[in-house]
Protein backbone atom coordinates (compact mmCIF):
# COMPACT_ATOMS: atom_id res chain seq x y z
CA MET A 1 -20.62 16.99 2.93
CA VAL A 2 -16.88 16.31 3.00
CA LYS A 3 -15.67 13.89 0.35
CA ARG A 4 -13.91 10.87 1.85
CA SER A 5 -10.41 10.20 0.52
CA ARG A 6 -10.18 6.44 0.23
CA ARG A 7 -7.46 6.04 -2.40
CA VAL A 8 -3.94 6.71 -1.10
CA TYR A 9 -0.61 6.68 -2.89
CA VAL A 10 2.26 5.85 -0.49
CA LYS A 11 5.85 6.57 -1.50
CA SER A 12 8.82 5.97 0.82
CA PHE A 13 12.35 7.30 0.47
CA GLY A 14 15.65 6.66 2.24
CA CYS A 15 17.01 3.89 4.41
CA SER A 16 15.67 0.39 4.93
CA ALA A 17 14.19 1.40 8.30
CA ASN A 18 12.15 4.13 6.64
CA LEU A 19 11.03 1.73 3.91
CA ALA A 20 9.86 -0.66 6.64
CA ASP A 21 7.94 2.22 8.24
CA GLY A 22 6.26 2.77 4.87
CA GLU A 23 5.17 -0.87 4.74
CA VAL A 24 3.52 -0.42 8.14
CA ILE A 25 1.85 2.84 7.07
CA ALA A 26 0.32 1.10 4.05
CA GLY A 27 -0.74 -1.91 6.13
CA CYS A 28 -2.46 0.22 8.77
CA LEU A 29 -4.32 2.23 6.12
CA VAL A 30 -5.57 -0.90 4.36
CA ARG A 31 -6.78 -2.36 7.66
CA ALA A 32 -8.68 0.90 8.28
CA GLY A 33 -10.45 0.69 4.92
CA PHE A 34 -8.26 2.84 2.69
CA ASP A 35 -7.16 1.66 -0.74
CA ILE A 36 -3.44 1.79 -1.61
CA VAL A 37 -2.88 2.61 -5.29
CA GLU A 38 0.33 2.34 -7.29
CA ASP A 39 -0.44 5.23 -9.64
CA PRO A 40 -0.43 8.69 -7.99
CA GLN A 41 -2.85 9.90 -10.65
CA GLU A 42 -5.48 7.52 -9.27
CA ALA A 43 -5.05 8.68 -5.67
CA GLU A 44 -7.02 11.23 -3.70
CA VAL A 45 -4.26 11.46 -1.07
CA LEU A 46 -0.53 11.52 -1.76
CA LEU A 47 1.47 10.32 1.25
CA PHE A 48 5.23 10.82 1.11
CA ASN A 49 7.36 9.07 3.73
CA THR A 50 10.41 11.29 3.51
CA CYS A 51 14.16 11.28 4.10
CA ALA A 52 16.39 14.28 4.76
CA VAL A 53 19.66 12.76 5.92
CA LYS A 54 21.68 14.92 3.48
CA ALA A 55 21.06 18.36 1.95
CA PRO A 56 20.76 17.05 -1.65
CA THR A 57 18.20 14.49 -0.48
CA GLU A 58 16.24 17.14 1.39
CA ASN A 59 16.27 19.42 -1.67
CA ARG A 60 15.00 16.61 -3.89
CA ILE A 61 12.19 15.71 -1.49
CA ILE A 62 11.13 19.35 -1.10
CA SER A 63 11.01 19.65 -4.90
CA ILE A 64 8.79 16.56 -5.16
CA LEU A 65 6.45 17.90 -2.49
CA ARG A 66 6.24 21.37 -4.02
CA ASN A 67 5.32 19.88 -7.38
CA ALA A 68 2.59 17.61 -6.02
CA PRO A 69 -0.77 18.46 -7.67
CA ARG A 70 -2.96 20.53 -5.37
CA SER A 71 -6.04 18.75 -6.63
CA LYS A 72 -5.00 16.00 -4.22
CA ARG A 73 -4.51 16.07 -0.48
CA LEU A 74 -0.85 15.91 0.59
CA VAL A 75 0.42 14.19 3.75
CA VAL A 76 4.11 14.27 4.69
CA THR A 77 5.69 11.87 7.17
CA GLY A 78 9.18 10.47 7.82
CA CYS A 79 12.33 12.25 8.95
CA LEU A 80 12.03 15.54 7.04
CA PRO A 81 9.31 17.10 9.24
CA LEU A 82 11.45 16.80 12.38
CA ILE A 83 14.74 17.65 10.69
CA ASN A 84 13.57 20.84 8.97
CA PHE A 85 9.95 21.64 9.76
CA GLU A 86 10.45 25.37 9.16
CA ARG A 87 11.46 24.78 5.57
CA LEU A 88 8.62 22.33 5.04
CA LYS A 89 6.14 24.82 6.48
CA ASN A 90 7.45 27.69 4.35
CA GLU A 91 7.82 25.88 1.02
CA VAL A 92 5.19 23.13 0.90
CA ASP A 93 1.39 23.39 0.86
CA TYR A 94 0.54 20.27 2.85
CA ASP A 95 -2.64 18.97 4.48
CA GLY A 96 -1.03 16.78 7.12
CA VAL A 97 2.41 16.27 8.67
CA THR A 98 3.71 13.65 11.08
CA GLY A 99 7.07 12.63 12.45
CA PRO A 100 8.71 9.35 11.40
CA ALA A 101 7.14 5.93 11.99
CA PRO A 102 3.62 7.11 12.83
CA GLY A 103 2.38 3.51 12.84
CA ALA A 104 -1.37 3.17 13.38
CA GLY A 105 -1.51 6.89 14.17
CA ILE A 106 -1.42 7.60 10.44
CA VAL A 107 -5.05 6.45 10.22
CA ASP A 108 -6.25 9.21 12.55
CA VAL A 109 -4.19 11.76 10.62
CA LEU A 110 -5.80 10.81 7.30
CA ARG A 111 -9.30 10.73 8.77
CA ARG A 112 -8.83 14.25 10.11
CA VAL A 113 -7.40 15.39 6.78
CA GLU A 114 -10.52 13.94 5.11
CA LYS A 115 -12.61 16.26 7.24
CA GLY A 116 -10.67 19.28 6.03
CA GLU A 117 -8.35 19.69 9.03
CA LYS A 118 -4.73 20.69 8.63
CA VAL A 119 -2.93 18.23 10.89
CA VAL A 120 0.55 18.60 12.39
CA PHE A 121 1.75 15.84 14.74
CA LEU A 122 5.52 15.83 15.22
CA GLU A 123 6.09 13.63 18.25
CA CYS A 124 8.69 10.86 18.00
CA THR A 125 8.57 8.68 21.10
CA SER A 126 7.52 5.21 20.00
CA LYS A 127 9.59 2.10 19.36
CA PRO A 128 8.96 -0.30 16.48
CA ASP A 129 5.58 -2.02 16.93
CA LEU A 130 6.14 -5.42 15.35
CA CYS A 131 2.47 -6.41 15.66
CA LEU A 132 1.18 -3.82 13.19
CA PRO A 133 0.04 -4.95 9.73
CA ARG A 134 2.29 -4.39 6.73
CA ILE A 135 2.20 -4.46 2.96
CA LEU A 136 5.58 -5.85 1.94
CA MET A 137 7.45 -4.27 -0.96
CA ASN A 138 9.10 -7.65 -1.57
CA ARG A 139 7.30 -10.73 -0.24
CA PHE A 140 10.59 -12.64 0.02
CA VAL A 141 12.35 -9.96 2.11
CA SER A 142 11.28 -9.00 5.62
CA VAL A 143 12.74 -5.71 6.85
CA ILE A 144 12.46 -5.61 10.63
CA PRO A 145 13.29 -2.43 12.58
CA ILE A 146 14.86 -3.81 15.76
CA ASN A 147 15.19 -0.41 17.41
CA TYR A 148 14.67 3.28 16.74
CA GLY A 149 17.20 5.94 17.64
CA CYS A 150 20.82 5.54 18.67
CA LEU A 151 23.30 6.33 21.44
CA GLY A 152 25.35 8.77 19.40
CA GLU A 153 25.49 12.56 19.31
CA CYS A 154 27.48 13.06 16.13
CA SER A 155 27.99 16.77 15.57
CA TYR A 156 27.12 16.65 11.86
CA CYS A 157 24.13 14.30 12.01
CA CYS A 158 20.51 15.39 11.78
CA VAL A 159 18.99 11.91 12.08
CA HIS A 160 19.03 11.89 15.88
CA PHE A 161 16.70 14.92 15.78
CA ALA A 162 14.21 12.78 13.84
CA ARG A 163 14.67 9.38 15.47
CA GLY A 164 15.61 10.32 19.03
CA GLN A 165 17.21 8.22 21.72
CA LEU A 166 17.54 4.45 21.65
CA ARG A 167 14.36 2.37 22.02
CA SER A 168 14.80 -1.37 21.41
CA ASN A 169 12.33 -4.20 20.96
CA SER A 170 12.86 -7.36 22.97
CA ILE A 171 14.53 -10.39 21.41
CA SER A 172 11.35 -12.43 21.94
CA GLU A 173 9.29 -9.89 19.97
CA ILE A 174 11.75 -9.90 17.08
CA VAL A 175 12.09 -13.69 17.02
CA GLU A 176 8.31 -14.07 16.93
CA ARG A 177 8.09 -11.61 14.05
CA VAL A 178 10.78 -13.53 12.13
CA LYS A 179 8.90 -16.81 12.63
CA GLN A 180 5.65 -15.27 11.36
CA ASP A 181 7.38 -13.87 8.28
CA LEU A 182 9.08 -17.18 7.51
CA ASP A 183 5.68 -18.88 7.65
CA SER A 184 4.49 -16.33 5.06
CA GLY A 185 7.30 -17.14 2.62
CA THR A 186 10.13 -14.81 3.63
CA LYS A 187 13.60 -15.93 2.48
CA GLU A 188 15.68 -13.00 3.77
CA VAL A 189 15.43 -11.13 7.06
CA TRP A 190 16.96 -7.66 7.26
CA LEU A 191 17.56 -6.45 10.82
CA THR A 192 17.66 -2.69 10.54
CA SER A 193 17.84 0.52 12.57
CA GLN A 194 19.77 3.77 12.70
CA ASP A 195 22.57 1.82 14.40
CA THR A 196 22.10 -1.93 14.78
CA ALA A 197 25.19 -2.19 17.01
CA SER A 198 23.44 -0.11 19.66
CA TYR A 199 20.52 -2.55 19.70
CA GLY A 200 19.61 -3.80 23.16
CA LYS A 201 21.90 -1.55 25.18
CA ASP A 202 18.78 -0.02 26.76
CA ILE A 203 17.32 -3.43 27.66
CA ASP A 204 20.46 -5.31 28.73
CA THR A 205 21.09 -7.36 25.60
CA SER A 206 23.00 -6.99 22.32
CA LEU A 207 22.94 -7.44 18.56
CA ALA A 208 25.22 -10.48 18.90
CA GLU A 209 22.71 -12.15 21.21
CA LEU A 210 19.84 -11.25 18.88
CA LEU A 211 21.63 -12.79 15.90
CA ARG A 212 22.31 -15.94 17.90
CA LYS A 213 18.63 -16.30 18.81
CA VAL A 214 17.43 -15.60 15.26
CA CYS A 215 19.85 -18.21 13.90
CA GLU A 216 18.31 -20.79 16.24
CA ILE A 217 15.00 -20.52 14.37
CA GLU A 218 14.42 -23.56 12.21
CA GLY A 219 14.22 -23.21 8.45
CA LYS A 220 16.30 -22.16 5.46
CA PHE A 221 16.65 -18.39 5.38
CA PHE A 222 19.28 -15.66 5.47
CA VAL A 223 19.85 -12.79 7.88
CA ARG A 224 21.39 -9.44 7.09
CA ALA A 225 22.41 -6.97 9.81
CA GLY A 226 22.31 -3.27 8.97
CA MET A 227 24.70 -0.40 9.57
CA MET A 228 26.74 -0.29 12.80
CA THR A 229 28.87 2.44 14.38
CA PRO A 230 32.42 1.22 15.11
CA ASN A 231 32.54 2.24 18.77
CA GLN A 232 29.39 0.25 19.56
CA VAL A 233 30.80 -2.80 17.75
CA MET A 234 34.11 -2.80 19.62
CA GLY A 235 32.47 -3.56 22.95
CA MET A 236 31.03 -6.83 21.62
CA LEU A 237 33.50 -7.67 18.84
CA GLU A 238 34.28 -11.26 19.85
CA GLU A 239 30.60 -12.10 20.40
CA LEU A 240 29.65 -10.52 17.07
CA VAL A 241 32.33 -12.44 15.16
CA GLU A 242 31.04 -15.65 16.74
CA ALA A 243 27.44 -14.79 15.75
CA TYR A 244 28.56 -14.13 12.17
CA LYS A 245 29.89 -17.68 11.89
CA CYS A 246 26.30 -18.90 11.54
CA GLU A 247 25.70 -19.97 7.93
CA LYS A 248 22.41 -18.04 7.90
CA VAL A 249 24.12 -14.68 8.43
CA PHE A 250 25.24 -12.75 5.34
CA LYS A 251 28.95 -11.98 5.64
CA PHE A 252 28.21 -8.29 5.20
CA LEU A 253 29.27 -5.58 7.62
CA HIS A 254 28.54 -1.89 7.11
CA LEU A 255 30.88 0.13 9.35
CA PRO A 256 31.00 3.81 8.30
CA VAL A 257 34.36 4.96 9.66
CA GLN A 258 33.69 8.53 8.37
CA SER A 259 37.32 9.72 8.60
CA GLY A 260 40.87 8.47 9.04
CA ASP A 261 41.94 11.61 10.91
CA ASP A 262 41.64 11.61 14.70
CA GLU A 263 41.11 15.36 14.93
CA VAL A 264 38.26 15.21 12.42
CA LEU A 265 36.74 12.25 14.25
CA LYS A 266 36.90 14.24 17.50
CA LEU A 267 35.16 17.20 15.87
CA MET A 268 32.55 14.80 14.48
CA ASN A 269 32.06 13.42 18.00
CA ARG A 270 32.43 9.88 16.71
CA ARG A 271 33.87 8.49 19.98
CA TYR A 272 36.67 6.44 18.41
CA THR A 273 40.06 7.04 16.83
CA ALA A 274 41.54 5.88 13.55
């Protein structure tokens, strides 16, 4: 008789979007009857929601995975499996692997791992499902992935291998999610993705329009928009500046310019000049 692994330790690394994915993973497991524990020593399954955006980060994550006790089942999800699966396969003794943002699919993976299967599921085609349950890391902060993927093909970037092409949620879905979170006590809303400025360009809308609609929601709360690529911002600059005038929007703008040299920017395939 196979022993059922009900106690799961979930640890997420990396960007705010990946942390939000981890909240969904934990929420889906709890809904399916698993117990989330804070101490890895108490767990029967260790689930690491990984990042590998830079080589030092990848090395650190691989080291953590290699040192995981083999008395426990090990499941690896997040960006690392799609960015460097060969290294993961060669250096880590895992029981299950998925691509990033597995959502409710993580339940099936753990149930199969319970039965003794070695599971590998590396597809990455979904968009954020805002209806899935979550366990919030901070009950006052709601991190909402507004889209997955981006429109860039930067020559140095491995993230587009993991997150794929742009897939955006509708404004109505995001607004409804914000309202639900505010009713639950949220004070800050973080709109996040791999590139928030590319939001909506696949569904004929924009980040500026999304911010405007979120700011129309009644209540006292703050909104923070995540990282944006400069070339995607320039096409909606006036509208974005207008949206930022709302008192609910943090006056925070993360624009990684990467280089001040046009030749380097061209080699990086950044699609803008200094």
